Amino acid sequence: MRMVRGEYVSFLDADDLWNREKLRIYEEKAIENPSFALFYSDALAFDDETGLMRLIRRPPRGNISEAILTGNIVVTSTAMVKKEAIASAGFFNETFLCPAGVEDWDFFIRLVQR
């Protein structure tokens, strides 16, 4: 994240896929809402064995500063963050790197609190 050159950064885990329209849609939303630092959406989870999908819905929308304290409502691979907000939030805390994946939640908490 420290090496980002663009105005925004988006995350894509190795085992995730984006909808081909994701970046276009997010760009439109960023233009419509230039003061927003974080954009995110619901996600679809695929089961490789059964081929079934399930919707991961992460409400609420708007001011999420209270809701994010009780659960990580941002699916990281759906997130797009304004570059200038990343440094002010303090980047991912790499001491939290563990199977539980709390480094992203910690980052999003600090981000939305700013």
N, C-alpha and C. Protein backbone atom coordinates (compact mmCIF):
# COMPACT_ATOMS: atom_id res chain seq x y z
N MET A 1 0.82 -1.20 0.00
CA MET A 1 0.00 0.00 0.00
C MET A 1 0.86 1.26 0.00
N ARG A 2 2.06 1.15 0.51
CA ARG A 2 2.95 2.31 0.54
C ARG A 2 3.42 2.72 -0.86
N MET A 3 3.33 1.82 -1.82
CA MET A 3 3.84 2.07 -3.16
C MET A 3 2.76 2.45 -4.17
N VAL A 4 1.54 2.66 -3.70
CA VAL A 4 0.42 3.02 -4.59
C VAL A 4 0.74 4.31 -5.31
N ARG A 5 0.50 4.32 -6.61
CA ARG A 5 0.76 5.52 -7.41
C ARG A 5 -0.52 6.23 -7.81
N GLY A 6 -1.61 5.50 -7.86
CA GLY A 6 -2.88 6.08 -8.26
C GLY A 6 -3.57 6.78 -7.10
N GLU A 7 -4.76 7.28 -7.37
CA GLU A 7 -5.53 7.99 -6.35
C GLU A 7 -6.22 7.02 -5.38
N TYR A 8 -6.46 5.79 -5.84
CA TYR A 8 -7.16 4.78 -5.05
C TYR A 8 -6.39 3.47 -5.11
N VAL A 9 -6.65 2.60 -4.11
CA VAL A 9 -6.13 1.24 -4.13
C VAL A 9 -7.31 0.29 -3.91
N SER A 10 -7.31 -0.81 -4.65
CA SER A 10 -8.29 -1.88 -4.47
C SER A 10 -7.55 -3.15 -4.14
N PHE A 11 -8.19 -4.02 -3.43
CA PHE A 11 -7.57 -5.25 -2.95
C PHE A 11 -8.18 -6.44 -3.69
N LEU A 12 -7.34 -7.40 -4.04
CA LEU A 12 -7.83 -8.62 -4.69
C LEU A 12 -7.00 -9.79 -4.18
N ASP A 13 -7.60 -10.60 -3.32
CA ASP A 13 -6.92 -11.79 -2.81
C ASP A 13 -6.74 -12.79 -3.94
N ALA A 14 -5.74 -13.64 -3.82
CA ALA A 14 -5.39 -14.59 -4.87
C ALA A 14 -6.53 -15.54 -5.21
N ASP A 15 -7.40 -15.84 -4.25
CA ASP A 15 -8.49 -16.78 -4.50
C ASP A 15 -9.83 -16.08 -4.76
N ASP A 16 -9.81 -14.80 -5.06
CA ASP A 16 -11.02 -14.04 -5.32
C ASP A 16 -11.06 -13.55 -6.76
N LEU A 17 -12.27 -13.22 -7.21
CA LEU A 17 -12.50 -12.66 -8.54
C LEU A 17 -13.30 -11.38 -8.41
N TRP A 18 -13.08 -10.45 -9.33
CA TRP A 18 -13.91 -9.25 -9.40
C TRP A 18 -14.88 -9.38 -10.55
N ASN A 19 -16.04 -8.77 -10.40
CA ASN A 19 -16.95 -8.57 -11.52
C ASN A 19 -16.24 -7.66 -12.51
N ARG A 20 -16.35 -7.92 -13.80
CA ARG A 20 -15.60 -7.13 -14.77
C ARG A 20 -15.99 -5.66 -14.80
N GLU A 21 -17.12 -5.30 -14.21
CA GLU A 21 -17.57 -3.90 -14.17
C GLU A 21 -17.19 -3.19 -12.87
N LYS A 22 -16.58 -3.91 -11.94
CA LYS A 22 -16.31 -3.36 -10.60
C LYS A 22 -15.58 -2.02 -10.64
N LEU A 23 -14.45 -1.96 -11.30
CA LEU A 23 -13.66 -0.73 -11.27
C LEU A 23 -14.36 0.43 -11.96
N ARG A 24 -15.10 0.15 -13.02
CA ARG A 24 -15.86 1.21 -13.70
C ARG A 24 -16.93 1.76 -12.76
N ILE A 25 -17.64 0.88 -12.10
CA ILE A 25 -18.70 1.30 -11.18
C ILE A 25 -18.12 2.08 -10.01
N TYR A 26 -17.02 1.59 -9.45
CA TYR A 26 -16.39 2.29 -8.33
C TYR A 26 -15.86 3.65 -8.76
N GLU A 27 -15.33 3.73 -9.96
CA GLU A 27 -14.85 5.02 -10.46
C GLU A 27 -16.00 6.02 -10.55
N GLU A 28 -17.14 5.57 -11.06
CA GLU A 28 -18.32 6.44 -11.12
C GLU A 28 -18.73 6.92 -9.73
N LYS A 29 -18.74 5.99 -8.77
CA LYS A 29 -19.13 6.34 -7.40
C LYS A 29 -18.12 7.31 -6.78
N ALA A 30 -16.84 7.12 -7.07
CA ALA A 30 -15.81 8.02 -6.54
C ALA A 30 -15.96 9.43 -7.11
N ILE A 31 -16.31 9.52 -8.38
CA ILE A 31 -16.53 10.83 -9.00
C ILE A 31 -17.76 11.50 -8.38
N GLU A 32 -18.82 10.72 -8.14
CA GLU A 32 -20.05 11.25 -7.54
C GLU A 32 -19.85 11.65 -6.08
N ASN A 33 -18.91 11.00 -5.39
CA ASN A 33 -18.71 11.19 -3.95
C ASN A 33 -17.23 11.43 -3.64
N PRO A 34 -16.68 12.56 -4.07
CA PRO A 34 -15.23 12.78 -3.94
C PRO A 34 -14.72 12.85 -2.50
N SER A 35 -15.59 13.08 -1.54
CA SER A 35 -15.13 13.14 -0.15
C SER A 35 -15.06 11.76 0.51
N PHE A 36 -15.60 10.74 -0.14
CA PHE A 36 -15.59 9.39 0.45
C PHE A 36 -14.20 8.79 0.33
N ALA A 37 -13.74 8.13 1.38
CA ALA A 37 -12.42 7.49 1.38
C ALA A 37 -12.51 5.98 1.16
N LEU A 38 -13.68 5.39 1.37
CA LEU A 38 -13.85 3.94 1.28
C LEU A 38 -15.10 3.60 0.49
N PHE A 39 -14.94 2.68 -0.43
CA PHE A 39 -16.06 2.11 -1.18
C PHE A 39 -15.97 0.60 -1.01
N TYR A 40 -17.12 -0.06 -0.81
CA TYR A 40 -17.14 -1.51 -0.69
C TYR A 40 -18.51 -2.01 -1.09
N SER A 41 -18.64 -3.32 -1.26
CA SER A 41 -19.91 -3.87 -1.71
C SER A 41 -20.14 -5.24 -1.09
N ASP A 42 -21.31 -5.78 -1.38
CA ASP A 42 -21.57 -7.17 -1.04
C ASP A 42 -20.66 -8.04 -1.90
N ALA A 43 -20.62 -9.32 -1.61
CA ALA A 43 -19.77 -10.24 -2.38
C ALA A 43 -20.52 -11.56 -2.56
N LEU A 44 -20.12 -12.31 -3.55
CA LEU A 44 -20.62 -13.66 -3.76
C LEU A 44 -19.52 -14.63 -3.38
N ALA A 45 -19.87 -15.63 -2.59
CA ALA A 45 -18.93 -16.69 -2.23
C ALA A 45 -19.28 -17.93 -3.04
N PHE A 46 -18.28 -18.52 -3.67
CA PHE A 46 -18.47 -19.70 -4.50
C PHE A 46 -17.93 -20.92 -3.77
N ASP A 47 -18.66 -22.02 -3.87
CA ASP A 47 -18.19 -23.30 -3.36
C ASP A 47 -17.67 -24.10 -4.54
N ASP A 48 -16.36 -24.32 -4.60
CA ASP A 48 -15.76 -25.01 -5.74
C ASP A 48 -16.30 -26.43 -5.92
N GLU A 49 -16.64 -27.09 -4.83
CA GLU A 49 -17.11 -28.47 -4.91
C GLU A 49 -18.53 -28.58 -5.43
N THR A 50 -19.42 -27.73 -4.95
CA THR A 50 -20.83 -27.83 -5.33
C THR A 50 -21.21 -26.87 -6.44
N GLY A 51 -20.41 -25.84 -6.65
CA GLY A 51 -20.75 -24.82 -7.64
C GLY A 51 -21.78 -23.82 -7.14
N LEU A 52 -22.19 -23.95 -5.88
CA LEU A 52 -23.20 -23.06 -5.32
C LEU A 52 -22.59 -21.72 -4.93
N MET A 53 -23.42 -20.70 -4.97
CA MET A 53 -23.00 -19.36 -4.56
C MET A 53 -23.86 -18.92 -3.39
N ARG A 54 -23.28 -18.09 -2.55
CA ARG A 54 -24.07 -17.45 -1.49
C ARG A 54 -23.66 -15.99 -1.42
N LEU A 55 -24.62 -15.17 -1.12
CA LEU A 55 -24.39 -13.73 -1.02
C LEU A 55 -23.85 -13.39 0.35
N ILE A 56 -22.75 -12.65 0.38
CA ILE A 56 -22.22 -12.11 1.63
C ILE A 56 -22.62 -10.65 1.67
N ARG A 57 -23.62 -10.36 2.46
CA ARG A 57 -24.15 -9.01 2.55
C ARG A 57 -23.52 -8.33 3.76
N ARG A 58 -22.97 -7.15 3.53
CA ARG A 58 -22.27 -6.43 4.59
C ARG A 58 -22.87 -5.04 4.81
N PRO A 59 -24.11 -4.99 5.30
CA PRO A 59 -24.65 -3.67 5.62
C PRO A 59 -23.92 -3.10 6.81
N PRO A 60 -24.03 -1.88 7.18
CA PRO A 60 -24.83 -0.85 6.54
C PRO A 60 -24.03 -0.07 5.52
N ARG A 61 -24.68 0.89 4.93
CA ARG A 61 -24.04 1.83 4.02
C ARG A 61 -24.01 3.19 4.72
N GLY A 62 -23.27 4.12 4.18
CA GLY A 62 -23.21 5.45 4.79
C GLY A 62 -22.18 5.49 5.90
N ASN A 63 -22.53 6.10 7.03
CA ASN A 63 -21.59 6.22 8.15
C ASN A 63 -21.50 4.87 8.87
N ILE A 64 -20.38 4.20 8.69
CA ILE A 64 -20.23 2.85 9.23
C ILE A 64 -19.35 2.80 10.47
N SER A 65 -19.01 3.97 11.03
CA SER A 65 -18.03 4.02 12.12
C SER A 65 -18.45 3.24 13.36
N GLU A 66 -19.72 3.11 13.65
CA GLU A 66 -20.14 2.31 14.82
C GLU A 66 -20.28 0.84 14.46
N ALA A 67 -20.87 0.55 13.31
CA ALA A 67 -21.13 -0.84 12.92
C ALA A 67 -19.84 -1.64 12.75
N ILE A 68 -18.77 -1.01 12.29
CA ILE A 68 -17.54 -1.75 12.04
C ILE A 68 -16.84 -2.17 13.32
N LEU A 69 -17.20 -1.57 14.44
CA LEU A 69 -16.61 -1.96 15.72
C LEU A 69 -17.10 -3.31 16.20
N THR A 70 -18.28 -3.74 15.77
CA THR A 70 -18.84 -5.00 16.23
C THR A 70 -18.63 -6.15 15.25
N GLY A 71 -18.16 -5.85 14.04
CA GLY A 71 -17.88 -6.89 13.06
C GLY A 71 -17.30 -6.29 11.81
N ASN A 72 -16.46 -7.05 11.12
CA ASN A 72 -15.85 -6.53 9.90
C ASN A 72 -16.87 -6.56 8.78
N ILE A 73 -17.47 -5.43 8.49
CA ILE A 73 -18.53 -5.35 7.49
C ILE A 73 -17.97 -5.10 6.09
N VAL A 74 -16.64 -5.03 5.95
CA VAL A 74 -16.02 -4.80 4.65
C VAL A 74 -15.33 -6.08 4.18
N VAL A 75 -15.81 -6.66 3.09
CA VAL A 75 -15.11 -7.78 2.46
C VAL A 75 -13.92 -7.15 1.73
N THR A 76 -12.71 -7.49 2.14
CA THR A 76 -11.52 -6.79 1.67
C THR A 76 -11.41 -6.75 0.15
N SER A 77 -11.73 -7.83 -0.53
CA SER A 77 -11.61 -7.84 -1.99
C SER A 77 -12.67 -7.00 -2.69
N THR A 78 -13.60 -6.44 -1.93
CA THR A 78 -14.56 -5.51 -2.53
C THR A 78 -14.17 -4.06 -2.28
N ALA A 79 -13.17 -3.83 -1.44
CA ALA A 79 -12.84 -2.47 -0.99
C ALA A 79 -12.01 -1.69 -2.01
N MET A 80 -12.29 -0.39 -2.06
CA MET A 80 -11.46 0.57 -2.77
C MET A 80 -11.27 1.75 -1.81
N VAL A 81 -10.00 2.11 -1.57
CA VAL A 81 -9.66 3.12 -0.57
C VAL A 81 -8.88 4.24 -1.21
N LYS A 82 -9.22 5.47 -0.85
CA LYS A 82 -8.48 6.63 -1.34
C LYS A 82 -7.07 6.61 -0.77
N LYS A 83 -6.08 6.79 -1.64
CA LYS A 83 -4.67 6.72 -1.25
C LYS A 83 -4.34 7.64 -0.08
N GLU A 84 -4.82 8.87 -0.11
CA GLU A 84 -4.48 9.82 0.96
C GLU A 84 -5.02 9.37 2.31
N ALA A 85 -6.08 8.57 2.32
CA ALA A 85 -6.66 8.08 3.58
C ALA A 85 -5.88 6.90 4.14
N ILE A 86 -5.18 6.17 3.28
CA ILE A 86 -4.44 4.99 3.72
C ILE A 86 -3.35 5.37 4.72
N ALA A 87 -2.53 6.33 4.37
CA ALA A 87 -1.44 6.74 5.27
C ALA A 87 -1.97 7.31 6.58
N SER A 88 -3.05 8.09 6.50
CA SER A 88 -3.58 8.68 7.73
C SER A 88 -4.19 7.63 8.65
N ALA A 89 -4.64 6.50 8.08
CA ALA A 89 -5.18 5.41 8.90
C ALA A 89 -4.06 4.53 9.46
N GLY A 90 -2.88 4.62 8.88
CA GLY A 90 -1.74 3.89 9.43
C GLY A 90 -1.44 2.55 8.77
N PHE A 91 -1.92 2.29 7.58
CA PHE A 91 -1.64 1.04 6.86
C PHE A 91 -2.11 -0.18 7.65
N PHE A 92 -1.88 -1.38 7.11
CA PHE A 92 -2.20 -2.61 7.82
C PHE A 92 -1.17 -2.80 8.94
N ASN A 93 -1.62 -3.24 10.09
CA ASN A 93 -0.72 -3.58 11.18
C ASN A 93 -0.21 -4.99 10.92
N GLU A 94 1.01 -5.13 10.45
CA GLU A 94 1.54 -6.42 10.04
C GLU A 94 1.81 -7.35 11.20
N THR A 95 1.78 -6.86 12.43
CA THR A 95 1.92 -7.77 13.58
C THR A 95 0.65 -8.57 13.79
N PHE A 96 -0.46 -8.19 13.13
CA PHE A 96 -1.72 -8.92 13.24
C PHE A 96 -1.84 -10.02 12.20
N LEU A 97 -0.86 -10.20 11.33
CA LEU A 97 -0.97 -11.21 10.28
C LEU A 97 -1.12 -12.59 10.91
N CYS A 98 -2.29 -13.19 10.68
CA CYS A 98 -2.59 -14.49 11.25
C CYS A 98 -3.76 -15.09 10.48
N PRO A 99 -4.05 -16.38 10.66
CA PRO A 99 -5.16 -17.00 9.92
C PRO A 99 -6.51 -16.31 10.14
N ALA A 100 -6.69 -15.67 11.29
CA ALA A 100 -7.97 -15.00 11.57
C ALA A 100 -8.18 -13.78 10.68
N GLY A 101 -7.11 -13.22 10.13
CA GLY A 101 -7.23 -12.10 9.20
C GLY A 101 -7.71 -10.81 9.80
N VAL A 102 -7.29 -10.49 11.01
CA VAL A 102 -7.79 -9.27 11.66
C VAL A 102 -7.08 -8.00 11.22
N GLU A 103 -5.99 -8.12 10.44
CA GLU A 103 -5.26 -6.91 10.04
C GLU A 103 -6.11 -6.02 9.13
N ASP A 104 -6.96 -6.60 8.30
CA ASP A 104 -7.82 -5.78 7.45
C ASP A 104 -8.91 -5.11 8.28
N TRP A 105 -9.51 -5.83 9.20
CA TRP A 105 -10.55 -5.27 10.05
C TRP A 105 -9.99 -4.11 10.87
N ASP A 106 -8.84 -4.31 11.48
CA ASP A 106 -8.18 -3.26 12.24
C ASP A 106 -7.95 -2.02 11.36
N PHE A 107 -7.47 -2.24 10.15
CA PHE A 107 -7.23 -1.11 9.23
C PHE A 107 -8.54 -0.38 8.92
N PHE A 108 -9.59 -1.12 8.59
CA PHE A 108 -10.86 -0.48 8.24
C PHE A 108 -11.47 0.27 9.43
N ILE A 109 -11.29 -0.24 10.64
CA ILE A 109 -11.76 0.48 11.84
C ILE A 109 -11.06 1.83 11.92
N ARG A 110 -9.74 1.81 11.81
CA ARG A 110 -8.98 3.08 11.89
C ARG A 110 -9.32 4.01 10.74
N LEU A 111 -9.54 3.46 9.57
CA LEU A 111 -9.88 4.26 8.40
C LEU A 111 -11.22 4.99 8.59
N VAL A 112 -12.25 4.26 8.97
CA VAL A 112 -13.56 4.90 9.08
C VAL A 112 -13.66 5.84 10.28
N GLN A 113 -12.82 5.62 11.29
CA GLN A 113 -12.82 6.53 12.43
C GLN A 113 -12.24 7.89 12.07
N ARG A 114 -11.47 7.95 10.98
CA ARG A 114 -10.90 9.21 10.49
C ARG A 114 -11.84 9.85 9.50
